[in-house]
Amino acid sequence: MHYTAPRIDRLDVSLLSTSHVAKLLGLALLMFASAACFAHGVDESTRGFLSQSSGLQIGPFLYIGAKHMVTGYDHLLFLFGVIFLLVRGRDVLIYVTMFTIGHSTTLLLGVLASLQLDPYLVDAVIGLSVVYKGFDNLGGFRAIALPRPNPRLMVLLFGLVHGFGLATKLQDFELPQENLFGNLVAFNVGVEIGQLLALGLILLFINVWRRHPSFAGASLATNTLLMTAGVVLIGLQLGGYFLVSG
């Protein structure tokens, strides 16, 4: 029996031309990049809680970790690029696992070992990861006759950088040393929960869009805009480094 997908999956999407989709995505990507430029710290209420917390606080750190990932536009831009062309669920699982291993490692290591890195430079490299993924999706390495870096290894390596980005957020203030490891693990688990929530929405959007004829035509524009967002992020972060940290 032939299955016909319900018309809800074409709601609104069918009304958008390729150019409209590209414009909407471009606006969203640039807004994400601009917002991420000022995301070196956390909001004041979270900062106050973390600076005054004592003992093991699993629930609050779970929530804060999830909140940070869901609002972490730079991380979401990179994940969007990573899974944009992936069709098989197995591939999505592999790449997301590589990213998770990377950022979990450096998140814990960065805070526990007190590795101090400039947040502007870290976020500039995170912007570079967004540029890389858009460039890779476009077949850029083949176009300039360079060997393509192993994509899984690159996701792992950039995951390490993203983890340092998370660590710098927590290093904006001194966390109490009591039960520090347990609270960090709770924060990291929260990050993974937030990542799963965001990833589910991104996958839903891409899978619905992939069924529409505009997807193939907008792939070039989307990944070009993804690169543009990364370049904007790099420029603003380097500007912040020279103006604020320099």
Protein backbone atom coordinates (compact mmCIF):
# COMPACT_ATOMS: atom_id res chain seq x y z
CA MET A 1 0.00 0.00 0.00
CA HIS A 2 1.45 3.34 -1.02
CA TYR A 3 1.82 5.82 1.82
CA THR A 4 1.13 9.48 1.14
CA ALA A 5 2.66 11.89 3.60
CA PRO A 6 0.13 14.15 5.31
CA ARG A 7 -0.12 17.64 3.87
CA ILE A 8 1.08 19.19 7.11
CA ASP A 9 4.66 18.56 6.05
CA ARG A 10 4.12 20.99 3.18
CA LEU A 11 2.51 23.67 5.30
CA ASP A 12 4.11 27.07 4.63
CA VAL A 13 7.22 25.42 3.15
CA SER A 14 5.41 24.84 -0.14
CA LEU A 15 4.64 28.55 -0.33
CA LEU A 16 8.28 29.55 -0.17
CA SER A 17 10.46 29.87 -3.22
CA THR A 18 14.12 28.99 -3.09
CA SER A 19 15.05 32.67 -2.81
CA HIS A 20 12.61 33.21 0.06
CA VAL A 21 13.96 30.20 1.94
CA ALA A 22 17.51 31.39 1.42
CA LYS A 23 16.66 34.91 2.63
CA LEU A 24 14.95 33.61 5.76
CA LEU A 25 17.82 31.27 6.53
CA GLY A 26 20.34 34.00 5.89
CA LEU A 27 18.61 36.36 8.28
CA ALA A 28 18.42 33.65 10.93
CA LEU A 29 22.05 32.65 10.51
CA LEU A 30 23.32 36.21 10.76
CA MET A 31 21.15 36.87 13.80
CA PHE A 32 22.56 33.72 15.40
CA ALA A 33 26.13 34.75 14.65
CA SER A 34 25.59 38.28 15.96
CA ALA A 35 24.03 36.98 19.16
CA ALA A 36 26.83 34.50 19.68
CA CYS A 37 29.43 37.27 19.57
CA PHE A 38 28.31 38.53 22.94
CA ALA A 39 27.82 35.11 24.53
CA HIS A 40 31.10 34.98 26.44
CA GLY A 41 29.39 34.97 29.80
CA VAL A 42 26.07 33.92 31.22
CA ASP A 43 23.07 35.97 32.27
CA GLU A 44 23.16 37.69 35.63
CA SER A 45 20.68 35.38 37.38
CA THR A 46 22.68 32.30 36.34
CA ARG A 47 25.94 34.00 37.27
CA GLY A 48 24.59 34.81 40.72
CA PHE A 49 23.43 31.26 41.31
CA LEU A 50 26.68 29.64 40.19
CA SER A 51 28.86 31.98 42.22
CA GLN A 52 26.86 31.32 45.40
CA SER A 53 26.10 27.62 44.94
CA SER A 54 27.55 25.11 47.35
CA GLY A 55 27.42 21.35 47.45
CA LEU A 56 26.12 19.09 44.73
CA GLN A 57 23.48 20.89 42.65
CA ILE A 58 22.51 18.35 39.98
CA GLY A 59 19.14 19.77 38.94
CA PRO A 60 20.18 23.42 38.56
CA PHE A 61 23.38 22.52 36.69
CA LEU A 62 21.42 20.23 34.37
CA TYR A 63 19.07 23.11 33.58
CA ILE A 64 21.87 25.64 33.09
CA GLY A 65 23.76 23.28 30.76
CA ALA A 66 20.67 22.58 28.66
CA LYS A 67 19.78 26.27 28.52
CA HIS A 68 23.28 27.21 27.43
CA MET A 69 23.31 24.74 24.54
CA VAL A 70 19.81 25.61 23.32
CA THR A 71 20.78 29.30 23.23
CA GLY A 72 24.34 28.61 22.02
CA TYR A 73 23.89 29.85 18.47
CA ASP A 74 27.50 29.21 17.46
CA HIS A 75 27.25 25.54 18.45
CA LEU A 76 23.90 25.18 16.69
CA LEU A 77 25.23 26.74 13.48
CA PHE A 78 28.02 24.19 13.40
CA LEU A 79 25.64 21.29 14.10
CA PHE A 80 23.31 22.56 11.38
CA GLY A 81 26.17 22.42 8.90
CA VAL A 82 27.31 19.00 10.11
CA ILE A 83 23.96 17.30 9.59
CA PHE A 84 22.71 19.35 6.63
CA LEU A 85 23.66 16.79 3.98
CA LEU A 86 23.40 13.66 6.13
CA VAL A 87 20.55 11.36 5.17
CA ARG A 88 21.12 8.18 7.18
CA GLY A 89 20.38 8.18 10.89
CA ARG A 90 23.55 6.16 11.50
CA ASP A 91 25.69 8.93 10.01
CA VAL A 92 23.95 11.56 12.11
CA LEU A 93 24.61 9.48 15.22
CA ILE A 94 28.30 9.03 14.37
CA TYR A 95 28.98 12.70 13.69
CA VAL A 96 27.04 13.94 16.69
CA THR A 97 28.88 11.41 18.87
CA MET A 98 32.24 12.69 17.61
CA PHE A 99 31.19 16.25 18.39
CA THR A 100 29.94 15.22 21.84
CA ILE A 101 33.16 13.39 22.72
CA GLY A 102 35.16 16.45 21.70
CA HIS A 103 33.27 19.13 23.59
CA SER A 104 32.69 16.97 26.67
CA THR A 105 36.42 16.29 26.98
CA THR A 106 37.59 19.88 26.83
CA LEU A 107 34.67 21.21 28.87
CA LEU A 108 35.70 19.06 31.83
CA LEU A 109 39.44 19.41 31.22
CA GLY A 110 39.31 23.15 30.75
CA VAL A 111 37.55 23.83 34.04
CA LEU A 112 39.15 21.13 36.20
CA ALA A 113 42.69 21.92 34.98
CA SER A 114 42.05 25.69 34.98
CA LEU A 115 43.17 26.05 31.37
CA GLN A 116 42.76 29.75 30.68
CA LEU A 117 42.09 30.59 27.04
CA ASP A 118 40.94 33.91 25.67
CA PRO A 119 37.18 33.56 25.03
CA TYR A 120 37.28 35.83 21.99
CA LEU A 121 39.95 33.73 20.28
CA VAL A 122 38.15 30.50 21.17
CA ASP A 123 34.90 31.81 19.73
CA ALA A 124 36.74 33.04 16.63
CA VAL A 125 37.90 29.47 16.01
CA ILE A 126 34.33 28.30 16.61
CA GLY A 127 33.33 30.77 13.89
CA LEU A 128 36.00 29.17 11.70
CA SER A 129 34.39 25.78 12.31
CA VAL A 130 31.13 27.17 10.90
CA VAL A 131 32.95 28.49 7.82
CA TYR A 132 34.71 25.13 7.37
CA LYS A 133 31.47 23.14 7.49
CA GLY A 134 29.71 25.32 4.93
CA PHE A 135 32.80 25.20 2.69
CA ASP A 136 33.04 21.43 3.04
CA ASN A 137 29.34 20.97 2.25
CA LEU A 138 29.86 22.91 -0.96
CA GLY A 139 32.72 20.64 -2.04
CA GLY A 140 35.13 23.51 -1.65
CA PHE A 141 38.24 21.39 -1.13
CA ARG A 142 37.63 19.54 -4.38
CA ALA A 143 37.00 22.82 -6.17
CA ILE A 144 40.41 24.18 -5.18
CA ALA A 145 42.13 20.83 -5.81
CA LEU A 146 43.01 20.14 -2.18
CA PRO A 147 42.50 16.84 -0.38
CA ARG A 148 39.40 16.87 1.77
CA PRO A 149 40.21 16.54 5.49
CA ASN A 150 38.62 13.55 7.19
CA PRO A 151 35.16 14.95 8.05
CA ARG A 152 34.71 12.85 11.19
CA LEU A 153 38.12 13.84 12.52
CA MET A 154 37.40 17.50 11.80
CA VAL A 155 34.11 17.33 13.69
CA LEU A 156 35.97 15.78 16.63
CA LEU A 157 38.71 18.43 16.54
CA PHE A 158 36.27 21.32 16.28
CA GLY A 159 34.24 19.64 19.02
CA LEU A 160 37.30 20.04 21.25
CA VAL A 161 37.31 23.76 20.46
CA HIS A 162 33.59 24.08 21.15
CA GLY A 163 34.20 22.42 24.52
CA PHE A 164 36.77 25.06 25.40
CA GLY A 165 34.14 27.62 24.40
CA LEU A 166 31.78 26.11 26.97
CA ALA A 167 34.57 26.02 29.56
CA THR A 168 35.34 29.73 29.12
CA LYS A 169 31.74 30.53 30.00
CA LEU A 170 32.13 28.77 33.34
CA GLN A 171 35.55 30.32 33.95
CA ASP A 172 34.08 33.83 33.93
CA PHE A 173 33.65 33.34 37.67
CA GLU A 174 35.09 31.05 40.31
CA LEU A 175 32.98 27.96 40.88
CA PRO A 176 33.10 26.56 44.40
CA GLN A 177 35.54 23.64 44.54
CA GLU A 178 33.18 21.59 46.69
CA ASN A 179 31.61 18.89 44.48
CA LEU A 180 33.01 20.70 41.43
CA PHE A 181 33.39 17.52 39.38
CA GLY A 182 29.84 16.35 40.08
CA ASN A 183 28.40 19.74 39.18
CA LEU A 184 30.44 19.85 35.98
CA VAL A 185 29.19 16.40 34.99
CA ALA A 186 25.61 17.57 35.63
CA PHE A 187 26.27 20.68 33.53
CA ASN A 188 27.69 18.54 30.72
CA VAL A 189 24.72 16.16 30.82
CA GLY A 190 22.49 19.22 30.62
CA VAL A 191 24.44 20.37 27.57
CA GLU A 192 23.77 17.00 25.94
CA ILE A 193 20.06 17.24 26.76
CA GLY A 194 19.93 20.70 25.21
CA GLN A 195 21.86 19.43 22.21
CA LEU A 196 19.37 16.59 21.68
CA LEU A 197 16.43 19.00 21.89
CA ALA A 198 17.98 21.44 19.43
CA LEU A 199 19.16 18.64 17.16
CA GLY A 200 15.67 17.16 17.03
CA LEU A 201 14.22 20.46 15.84
CA ILE A 202 17.00 20.96 13.29
CA LEU A 203 16.55 17.43 11.92
CA LEU A 204 12.79 17.90 11.72
CA PHE A 205 13.23 21.13 9.78
CA ILE A 206 15.80 19.67 7.38
CA ASN A 207 13.85 16.46 6.78
CA VAL A 208 10.65 18.38 6.02
CA TRP A 209 12.51 20.79 3.78
CA ARG A 210 14.36 17.95 2.01
CA ARG A 211 11.03 16.70 0.63
CA HIS A 212 10.41 20.03 -1.05
CA PRO A 213 11.90 20.82 -4.49
CA SER A 214 13.48 24.00 -3.14
CA PHE A 215 15.97 22.03 -1.02
CA ALA A 216 18.38 21.08 -3.82
CA GLY A 217 18.34 24.56 -5.30
CA ALA A 218 18.84 26.29 -1.96
CA SER A 219 21.72 24.09 -0.82
CA LEU A 220 24.30 26.37 -2.43
CA ALA A 221 22.73 29.51 -0.98
CA THR A 222 22.26 27.96 2.47
CA ASN A 223 25.86 26.81 2.86
CA THR A 224 27.16 30.08 1.42
CA LEU A 225 25.11 31.91 4.06
CA LEU A 226 26.42 29.51 6.68
CA MET A 227 29.97 30.48 5.69
CA THR A 228 28.98 34.15 5.76
CA ALA A 229 27.64 33.81 9.29
CA GLY A 230 30.92 32.18 10.32
CA VAL A 231 32.97 34.96 8.74
CA VAL A 232 30.85 37.58 10.53
CA LEU A 233 31.37 35.73 13.79
CA ILE A 234 35.14 35.53 13.26
CA GLY A 235 35.39 39.22 12.41
CA LEU A 236 33.40 40.37 15.40
CA GLN A 237 35.24 38.07 17.79
CA LEU A 238 38.64 39.23 16.55
CA GLY A 239 37.40 42.80 16.84
CA GLY A 240 36.41 42.09 20.43
CA TYR A 241 39.80 40.52 21.10
CA PHE A 242 41.75 43.55 19.89
CA LEU A 243 39.40 46.11 21.45
CA VAL A 244 38.67 44.38 24.76
CA SER A 245 41.36 41.80 25.42
CA GLY A 246 44.19 43.50 23.62
